[in-house]
Protein backbone atom coordinates (compact mmCIF):
# COMPACT_ATOMS: atom_id res chain seq x y z
CA MET A 1 100.75 -60.78 -104.68
CA LEU A 2 101.69 -60.60 -108.36
CA ILE A 3 101.64 -57.21 -110.07
CA ILE A 4 102.18 -56.66 -113.80
CA ARG A 5 103.23 -53.07 -114.46
CA LYS A 6 105.12 -50.82 -116.83
CA ALA A 7 108.86 -51.16 -116.38
CA ARG A 8 110.82 -48.26 -114.97
CA GLU A 9 113.88 -48.11 -117.19
CA VAL A 10 115.19 -44.63 -116.52
CA LYS A 11 115.89 -43.11 -113.13
CA GLU A 12 114.54 -39.64 -112.64
CA GLU A 13 116.79 -37.31 -110.68
CA SER A 14 114.28 -37.25 -107.84
CA GLU A 15 114.10 -41.07 -107.63
CA GLY A 16 116.39 -43.29 -105.60
CA GLU A 17 118.85 -45.92 -106.77
CA GLU A 18 116.12 -48.60 -106.95
CA ALA A 19 113.91 -46.54 -109.27
CA SER A 20 115.01 -48.44 -112.39
CA ASP A 21 113.96 -52.05 -113.06
CA ILE A 22 116.87 -52.71 -115.42
CA ARG A 23 118.98 -54.73 -112.97
CA GLY A 24 115.94 -56.82 -112.04
CA ILE A 25 115.10 -57.42 -115.71
CA LEU A 26 118.65 -58.48 -116.50
CA ASP A 27 118.89 -60.66 -113.37
CA VAL A 28 115.70 -62.46 -114.43
CA HIS A 29 117.04 -62.84 -117.98
CA TYR A 30 120.34 -64.28 -116.75
CA ALA A 31 118.66 -66.71 -114.32
CA ALA A 32 116.11 -67.88 -116.90
CA VAL A 33 118.65 -68.34 -119.70
CA HIS A 34 121.19 -70.12 -117.52
CA GLY A 35 118.49 -72.22 -115.84
CA GLU A 36 116.19 -74.38 -117.91
CA PRO A 37 117.71 -74.05 -121.42
CA ILE A 38 120.96 -75.71 -120.37
CA ASP A 39 119.77 -78.97 -121.91
CA TYR A 40 119.00 -77.26 -125.22
CA TYR A 41 122.02 -75.01 -125.88
CA ASP A 42 125.75 -75.16 -125.23
CA GLU A 43 127.39 -72.87 -122.67
CA ASP A 44 128.84 -70.52 -125.31
CA VAL A 45 125.36 -69.83 -126.70
CA LEU A 46 123.96 -69.27 -123.19
CA ASP A 47 126.78 -66.83 -122.38
CA ASP A 48 126.19 -64.86 -125.60
CA TRP A 49 122.43 -64.93 -125.07
CA SER A 50 122.71 -63.58 -121.53
CA PRO A 51 126.12 -62.59 -120.16
CA LEU A 52 126.74 -61.86 -116.49
CA VAL A 53 124.91 -58.80 -115.19
CA THR A 54 127.53 -56.06 -114.85
CA ASP A 55 127.35 -52.28 -114.65
CA GLU A 56 128.38 -52.17 -118.31
CA ARG A 57 125.56 -54.54 -119.33
CA ILE A 58 123.06 -52.45 -117.36
CA ALA A 59 124.27 -49.27 -119.07
CA ASN A 60 124.12 -50.92 -122.51
CA PHE A 61 120.56 -52.12 -121.86
CA ALA A 62 119.49 -48.66 -120.72
CA GLN A 63 120.96 -47.12 -123.87
CA ARG A 64 119.86 -49.75 -126.41
CA PRO A 65 118.69 -47.94 -129.55
CA GLN A 66 115.50 -50.01 -129.96
CA ARG A 67 114.14 -49.16 -126.49
CA GLN A 68 111.99 -46.34 -127.89
CA GLU A 69 109.92 -48.83 -129.92
CA GLU A 70 109.60 -51.43 -127.13
CA VAL A 71 106.77 -51.79 -124.62
CA VAL A 72 108.27 -53.36 -121.49
CA ARG A 73 106.27 -54.86 -118.63
CA VAL A 74 107.56 -56.44 -115.44
CA ALA A 75 106.05 -58.97 -113.08
CA GLU A 76 106.64 -57.93 -109.49
CA MET A 77 106.22 -59.87 -106.25
CA ASP A 78 107.20 -58.51 -102.84
CA ASN A 79 108.74 -55.43 -104.49
CA ALA A 80 111.09 -57.55 -106.63
CA VAL A 81 111.09 -58.10 -110.40
CA VAL A 82 110.36 -61.80 -110.99
CA GLY A 83 109.63 -61.68 -114.72
CA PHE A 84 109.44 -59.36 -117.71
CA GLY A 85 108.07 -59.18 -121.21
CA ILE A 86 108.78 -56.98 -124.22
CA LEU A 87 106.41 -56.16 -127.08
CA VAL A 88 107.48 -54.36 -130.27
CA PRO A 89 104.22 -53.15 -131.83
CA ARG A 90 105.83 -51.88 -135.05
CA LEU A 91 107.00 -55.44 -135.79
CA SER A 92 103.99 -57.25 -134.25
CA GLU A 93 106.62 -59.02 -132.17
CA ILE A 94 106.88 -60.48 -128.72
CA ARG A 95 110.58 -59.90 -128.15
CA ALA A 96 110.86 -61.40 -124.67
CA CYS A 97 108.92 -63.20 -121.95
CA TYR A 98 111.03 -64.49 -119.05
CA VAL A 99 110.35 -65.59 -115.47
CA LEU A 100 112.71 -66.56 -112.66
CA PRO A 101 113.12 -70.36 -112.88
CA ARG A 102 112.22 -70.87 -109.20
CA LEU A 103 108.81 -69.31 -109.93
CA ALA A 104 108.16 -71.12 -113.22
CA ARG A 105 104.78 -72.74 -113.86
CA GLN A 106 102.95 -70.49 -111.41
CA GLY A 107 101.12 -68.35 -113.98
CA ILE A 108 103.60 -65.47 -114.09
CA GLY A 109 104.62 -66.06 -117.70
CA LEU A 110 100.97 -66.38 -118.71
CA ALA A 111 100.14 -63.11 -116.90
CA LEU A 112 102.96 -61.30 -118.74
CA LEU A 113 102.05 -62.81 -122.12
CA SER A 114 98.37 -61.97 -121.62
CA GLU A 115 99.26 -58.36 -120.80
CA LEU A 116 101.48 -58.06 -123.89
CA GLU A 117 98.70 -59.52 -126.05
CA ARG A 118 96.18 -57.10 -124.51
CA LEU A 119 98.48 -54.17 -125.28
CA ALA A 120 98.99 -55.47 -128.83
CA GLY A 121 95.23 -55.58 -129.33
CA GLN A 122 94.91 -52.02 -128.01
CA ALA A 123 97.57 -50.99 -130.53
CA GLY A 124 95.40 -52.44 -133.31
CA LEU A 125 97.58 -55.47 -134.03
CA ASP A 126 95.85 -58.48 -135.57
CA TRP A 127 98.63 -60.97 -134.92
CA LEU A 128 101.93 -61.47 -133.11
CA ASN A 129 105.10 -63.31 -133.99
CA LEU A 130 108.08 -64.41 -131.95
CA ASN A 131 111.21 -66.51 -131.99
CA ALA A 132 110.85 -68.99 -129.13
CA ALA A 133 113.81 -70.66 -127.49
CA LEU A 134 113.59 -74.42 -128.00
CA ASN A 135 112.65 -74.98 -124.36
CA ALA A 136 109.92 -72.31 -124.51
CA GLU A 137 108.00 -73.76 -127.48
CA PRO A 138 105.59 -75.80 -125.27
CA PHE A 139 104.66 -72.67 -123.28
CA TYR A 140 103.71 -70.75 -126.41
CA LEU A 141 101.91 -73.72 -127.99
CA ALA A 142 99.82 -74.05 -124.81
CA ASN A 143 98.89 -70.37 -125.16
CA GLY A 144 97.62 -70.52 -128.73
CA TYR A 145 100.77 -69.85 -130.75
CA VAL A 146 101.50 -71.89 -133.86
CA ALA A 147 104.97 -73.17 -134.72
CA ASP A 148 106.07 -72.02 -138.17
CA GLY A 149 109.36 -73.88 -138.45
CA LEU A 150 112.84 -73.71 -137.04
CA GLY A 151 114.85 -70.55 -137.36
CA LYS A 152 118.01 -68.86 -136.16
CA GLN A 153 118.16 -65.96 -133.72
CA LEU A 154 121.20 -63.71 -134.02
CA LEU A 155 122.69 -63.05 -130.58
CA PRO A 156 124.48 -59.84 -129.59
CA GLY A 157 127.92 -61.46 -129.88
CA GLY A 158 127.21 -62.49 -133.49
CA ARG A 159 126.54 -66.17 -132.70
CA GLU A 160 123.30 -67.77 -133.91
CA MET A 161 121.02 -69.90 -131.77
CA SER A 162 118.27 -72.23 -132.90
CA CYS A 163 114.73 -71.11 -132.22
CA VAL A 164 111.17 -71.86 -133.27
CA ARG A 165 109.35 -69.23 -135.31
CA MET A 166 105.83 -68.85 -133.96
CA TYR A 167 102.76 -66.68 -134.52
CA LYS A 168 99.27 -66.12 -133.15
CA PHE A 169 96.26 -64.32 -134.57
CA LEU A 170 94.67 -62.02 -132.00
CA VAL A 171 91.34 -61.75 -133.81
CA SER A 172 88.66 -64.39 -134.38
CA GLU A 173 88.45 -66.42 -137.60
CA SER A 174 85.32 -64.56 -138.77
CA SER A 175 86.94 -61.22 -138.02
CA LYS A 176 90.08 -62.22 -139.94
CA TRP A 177 88.03 -62.99 -143.06
CA SER A 178 85.95 -59.82 -142.79
CA ARG A 179 89.12 -57.72 -142.41
CA GLY A 180 90.88 -59.43 -145.34
CA ILE A 181 93.43 -61.28 -143.19
CA LEU A 182 93.91 -64.71 -144.73
CA PRO A 183 95.43 -67.54 -142.70
């Protein structure tokens, strides 16, 4: 059974070694990046986008400065993280939505995206934006996002990767006009 829940990013002293979802999140990220996008990006870009999961990478993720402004959800099946998504309400941004490649096209990505959109609506956001990997554009288009041109995403190592800028209004057309939000 699929469960979408808040990610556990910090181990409490009373919790065991498995209390944090960080390794699972990074394992999903690595598998997803080094899976399907291989036809879209060269190996150097893939390695910068998602390096091997090491203790150092786990520690860096746990201590990333932007974590305080992120809302992180994980998809869990059989007590294992199989996907994750990150929303940054302050920026109206979907920062991440990844699923293990072996479980792709089974509704997990849609469940994560729907939960992030629900949380965005609860936070009072009228729209969301994201930078989609080239291979992910069809997924977002199928879920109501609009492509707004090609862009570049700066990767942690300083390299740039091509992406598609996308957005989606979370409110109806009539509500947008009544609230002064013009398309």
